[in-house]
Amino acid sequence: MDFSGLTAVVNPTTIVAAITTIAAVKMAPGVAKWGYNKVIGWFR
């Protein structure tokens, strides 16, 4: 099989951006909860 057409379309920048986006989406709830607790902690 010839994958030259597929590899020409998918460049490394796109792959890195996709992985970074997935990581950010996975981390967002934890970071938001941590930040919320920090801010609430300042007012206690």
PDB file of N, CA and C in Angstrom:
ATOM      1  N   MET A   1       0.843  -1.200   0.000  1.00  0.00           N
ATOM      2  CA  MET A   1       0.000   0.000   0.000  1.00  0.00           C
ATOM      3  C   MET A   1       0.876   1.247   0.000  1.00  0.00           C
ATOM      4  N   ASP A   2       0.403   2.255  -0.657  1.00  0.00           N
ATOM      5  CA  ASP A   2       1.151   3.504  -0.765  1.00  0.00           C
ATOM      6  C   ASP A   2       0.497   4.568   0.118  1.00  0.00           C
ATOM      7  N   PHE A   3       1.210   4.974   1.149  1.00  0.00           N
ATOM      8  CA  PHE A   3       0.679   5.963   2.089  1.00  0.00           C
ATOM      9  C   PHE A   3       1.226   7.366   1.834  1.00  0.00           C
ATOM     10  N   SER A   4       1.878   7.583   0.714  1.00  0.00           N
ATOM     11  CA  SER A   4       2.501   8.882   0.458  1.00  0.00           C
ATOM     12  C   SER A   4       1.467  10.010   0.409  1.00  0.00           C
ATOM     13  N   GLY A   5       0.284   9.734  -0.112  1.00  0.00           N
ATOM     14  CA  GLY A   5      -0.761  10.760  -0.147  1.00  0.00           C
ATOM     15  C   GLY A   5      -1.241  11.125   1.242  1.00  0.00           C
ATOM     16  N   LEU A   6      -1.358  10.128   2.103  1.00  0.00           N
ATOM     17  CA  LEU A   6      -1.822  10.367   3.476  1.00  0.00           C
ATOM     18  C   LEU A   6      -0.774  11.115   4.287  1.00  0.00           C
ATOM     19  N   THR A   7       0.477  10.685   4.191  1.00  0.00           N
ATOM     20  CA  THR A   7       1.532  11.335   4.962  1.00  0.00           C
ATOM     21  C   THR A   7       1.801  12.753   4.477  1.00  0.00           C
ATOM     22  N   ALA A   8       1.507  13.042   3.223  1.00  0.00           N
ATOM     23  CA  ALA A   8       1.692  14.399   2.711  1.00  0.00           C
ATOM     24  C   ALA A   8       0.652  15.344   3.294  1.00  0.00           C
ATOM     25  N   VAL A   9      -0.529  14.829   3.608  1.00  0.00           N
ATOM     26  CA  VAL A   9      -1.604  15.670   4.139  1.00  0.00           C
ATOM     27  C   VAL A   9      -1.407  15.932   5.630  1.00  0.00           C
ATOM     28  N   VAL A  10      -0.977  14.913   6.373  1.00  0.00           N
ATOM     29  CA  VAL A  10      -0.827  15.027   7.827  1.00  0.00           C
ATOM     30  C   VAL A  10       0.600  15.455   8.133  1.00  0.00           C
ATOM     31  N   ASN A  11       0.767  16.682   8.568  1.00  0.00           N
ATOM     32  CA  ASN A  11       2.108  17.156   8.904  1.00  0.00           C
ATOM     33  C   ASN A  11       2.304  17.122  10.428  1.00  0.00           C
ATOM     34  N   PRO A  12       3.530  17.129  10.895  1.00  0.00           N
ATOM     35  CA  PRO A  12       3.806  17.013  12.333  1.00  0.00           C
ATOM     36  C   PRO A  12       3.168  18.122  13.169  1.00  0.00           C
ATOM     37  N   THR A  13       3.053  19.306  12.628  1.00  0.00           N
ATOM     38  CA  THR A  13       2.448  20.409  13.378  1.00  0.00           C
ATOM     39  C   THR A  13       1.003  20.103  13.730  1.00  0.00           C
ATOM     40  N   THR A  14       0.274  19.519  12.800  1.00  0.00           N
ATOM     41  CA  THR A  14      -1.122  19.156  13.044  1.00  0.00           C
ATOM     42  C   THR A  14      -1.222  18.102  14.134  1.00  0.00           C
ATOM     43  N   ILE A  15      -0.324  17.131  14.099  1.00  0.00           N
ATOM     44  CA  ILE A  15      -0.338  16.064  15.102  1.00  0.00           C
ATOM     45  C   ILE A  15      -0.041  16.632  16.486  1.00  0.00           C
ATOM     46  N   VAL A  16       0.960  17.489  16.593  1.00  0.00           N
ATOM     47  CA  VAL A  16       1.312  18.093  17.883  1.00  0.00           C
ATOM     48  C   VAL A  16       0.164  18.953  18.396  1.00  0.00           C
ATOM     49  N   ALA A  17      -0.468  19.710  17.523  1.00  0.00           N
ATOM     50  CA  ALA A  17      -1.600  20.549  17.930  1.00  0.00           C
ATOM     51  C   ALA A  17      -2.759  19.693  18.427  1.00  0.00           C
ATOM     52  N   ALA A  18      -3.021  18.587  17.758  1.00  0.00           N
ATOM     53  CA  ALA A  18      -4.115  17.704  18.175  1.00  0.00           C
ATOM     54  C   ALA A  18      -3.831  17.079  19.532  1.00  0.00           C
ATOM     55  N   ILE A  19      -2.617  16.611  19.744  1.00  0.00           N
ATOM     56  CA  ILE A  19      -2.254  16.002  21.033  1.00  0.00           C
ATOM     57  C   ILE A  19      -2.320  17.040  22.143  1.00  0.00           C
ATOM     58  N   THR A  20      -1.849  18.256  21.880  1.00  0.00           N
ATOM     59  CA  THR A  20      -1.901  19.324  22.875  1.00  0.00           C
ATOM     60  C   THR A  20      -3.338  19.674  23.224  1.00  0.00           C
ATOM     61  N   THR A  21      -4.202  19.727  22.232  1.00  0.00           N
ATOM     62  CA  THR A  21      -5.616  20.028  22.470  1.00  0.00           C
ATOM     63  C   THR A  21      -6.268  18.948  23.316  1.00  0.00           C
ATOM     64  N   ILE A  22      -5.999  17.693  22.998  1.00  0.00           N
ATOM     65  CA  ILE A  22      -6.571  16.591  23.775  1.00  0.00           C
ATOM     66  C   ILE A  22      -6.081  16.657  25.219  1.00  0.00           C
ATOM     67  N   ALA A  23      -4.798  16.928  25.417  1.00  0.00           N
ATOM     68  CA  ALA A  23      -4.246  17.030  26.766  1.00  0.00           C
ATOM     69  C   ALA A  23      -4.889  18.183  27.531  1.00  0.00           C
ATOM     70  N   ALA A  24      -5.092  19.316  26.878  1.00  0.00           N
ATOM     71  CA  ALA A  24      -5.712  20.469  27.533  1.00  0.00           C
ATOM     72  C   ALA A  24      -7.143  20.165  27.944  1.00  0.00           C
ATOM     73  N   VAL A  25      -7.882  19.474  27.085  1.00  0.00           N
ATOM     74  CA  VAL A  25      -9.267  19.124  27.407  1.00  0.00           C
ATOM     75  C   VAL A  25      -9.307  18.147  28.577  1.00  0.00           C
ATOM     76  N   LYS A  26      -8.361  17.217  28.628  1.00  0.00           N
ATOM     77  CA  LYS A  26      -8.312  16.248  29.721  1.00  0.00           C
ATOM     78  C   LYS A  26      -7.948  16.926  31.044  1.00  0.00           C
ATOM     79  N   MET A  27      -7.060  17.931  30.996  1.00  0.00           N
ATOM     80  CA  MET A  27      -6.579  18.582  32.211  1.00  0.00           C
ATOM     81  C   MET A  27      -7.503  19.685  32.700  1.00  0.00           C
ATOM     82  N   ALA A  28      -8.308  20.256  31.840  1.00  0.00           N
ATOM     83  CA  ALA A  28      -9.099  21.439  32.176  1.00  0.00           C
ATOM     84  C   ALA A  28      -9.964  21.277  33.428  1.00  0.00           C
ATOM     85  N   PRO A  29     -10.721  20.185  33.594  1.00  0.00           N
ATOM     86  CA  PRO A  29     -11.555  20.081  34.802  1.00  0.00           C
ATOM     87  C   PRO A  29     -10.739  20.099  36.094  1.00  0.00           C
ATOM     88  N   GLY A  30      -9.617  19.404  36.116  1.00  0.00           N
ATOM     89  CA  GLY A  30      -8.769  19.391  37.311  1.00  0.00           C
ATOM     90  C   GLY A  30      -8.171  20.752  37.603  1.00  0.00           C
ATOM     91  N   VAL A  31      -7.714  21.427  36.578  1.00  0.00           N
ATOM     92  CA  VAL A  31      -7.127  22.761  36.751  1.00  0.00           C
ATOM     93  C   VAL A  31      -8.195  23.751  37.209  1.00  0.00           C
ATOM     94  N   ALA A  32      -9.387  23.660  36.645  1.00  0.00           N
ATOM     95  CA  ALA A  32     -10.475  24.562  37.032  1.00  0.00           C
ATOM     96  C   ALA A  32     -10.855  24.346  38.493  1.00  0.00           C
ATOM     97  N   LYS A  33     -10.932  23.096  38.911  1.00  0.00           N
ATOM     98  CA  LYS A  33     -11.279  22.789  40.306  1.00  0.00           C
ATOM     99  C   LYS A  33     -10.189  23.298  41.251  1.00  0.00           C
ATOM    100  N   TRP A  34      -8.931  23.088  40.869  1.00  0.00           N
ATOM    101  CA  TRP A  34      -7.822  23.556  41.687  1.00  0.00           C
ATOM    102  C   TRP A  34      -7.850  25.083  41.804  1.00  0.00           C
ATOM    103  N   GLY A  35      -8.047  25.768  40.687  1.00  0.00           N
ATOM    104  CA  GLY A  35      -8.092  27.232  40.692  1.00  0.00           C
ATOM    105  C   GLY A  35      -9.257  27.763  41.497  1.00  0.00           C
ATOM    106  N   TYR A  36     -10.403  27.117  41.368  1.00  0.00           N
ATOM    107  CA  TYR A  36     -11.587  27.517  42.138  1.00  0.00           C
ATOM    108  C   TYR A  36     -11.308  27.386  43.629  1.00  0.00           C
ATOM    109  N   ASN A  37     -10.728  26.275  44.032  1.00  0.00           N
ATOM    110  CA  ASN A  37     -10.420  26.070  45.451  1.00  0.00           C
ATOM    111  C   ASN A  37      -9.395  27.080  45.953  1.00  0.00           C
ATOM    112  N   LYS A  38      -8.441  27.448  45.123  1.00  0.00           N
ATOM    113  CA  LYS A  38      -7.450  28.458  45.518  1.00  0.00           C
ATOM    114  C   LYS A  38      -8.127  29.808  45.762  1.00  0.00           C
ATOM    115  N   VAL A  39      -8.985  30.217  44.847  1.00  0.00           N
ATOM    116  CA  VAL A  39      -9.659  31.516  44.978  1.00  0.00           C
ATOM    117  C   VAL A  39     -10.572  31.520  46.200  1.00  0.00           C
ATOM    118  N   ILE A  40     -11.331  30.446  46.392  1.00  0.00           N
ATOM    119  CA  ILE A  40     -12.212  30.358  47.560  1.00  0.00           C
ATOM    120  C   ILE A  40     -11.384  30.366  48.846  1.00  0.00           C
ATOM    121  N   GLY A  41     -10.226  29.733  48.809  1.00  0.00           N
ATOM    122  CA  GLY A  41      -9.345  29.701  49.981  1.00  0.00           C
ATOM    123  C   GLY A  41      -8.874  31.083  50.392  1.00  0.00           C
ATOM    124  N   TRP A  42      -8.737  31.995  49.450  1.00  0.00           N
ATOM    125  CA  TRP A  42      -8.294  33.348  49.774  1.00  0.00           C
ATOM    126  C   TRP A  42      -9.341  34.106  50.575  1.00  0.00           C
ATOM    127  N   PHE A  43     -10.610  33.757  50.425  1.00  0.00           N
ATOM    128  CA  PHE A  43     -11.679  34.503  51.076  1.00  0.00           C
ATOM    129  C   PHE A  43     -12.138  33.867  52.379  1.00  0.00           C
ATOM    130  N   ARG A  44     -11.507  32.790  52.771  1.00  0.00           N
ATOM    131  CA  ARG A  44     -11.898  32.137  54.028  1.00  0.00           C
ATOM    132  C   ARG A  44     -11.078  32.646  55.179  1.00  0.00           C
TER     133      ARG A  44
END
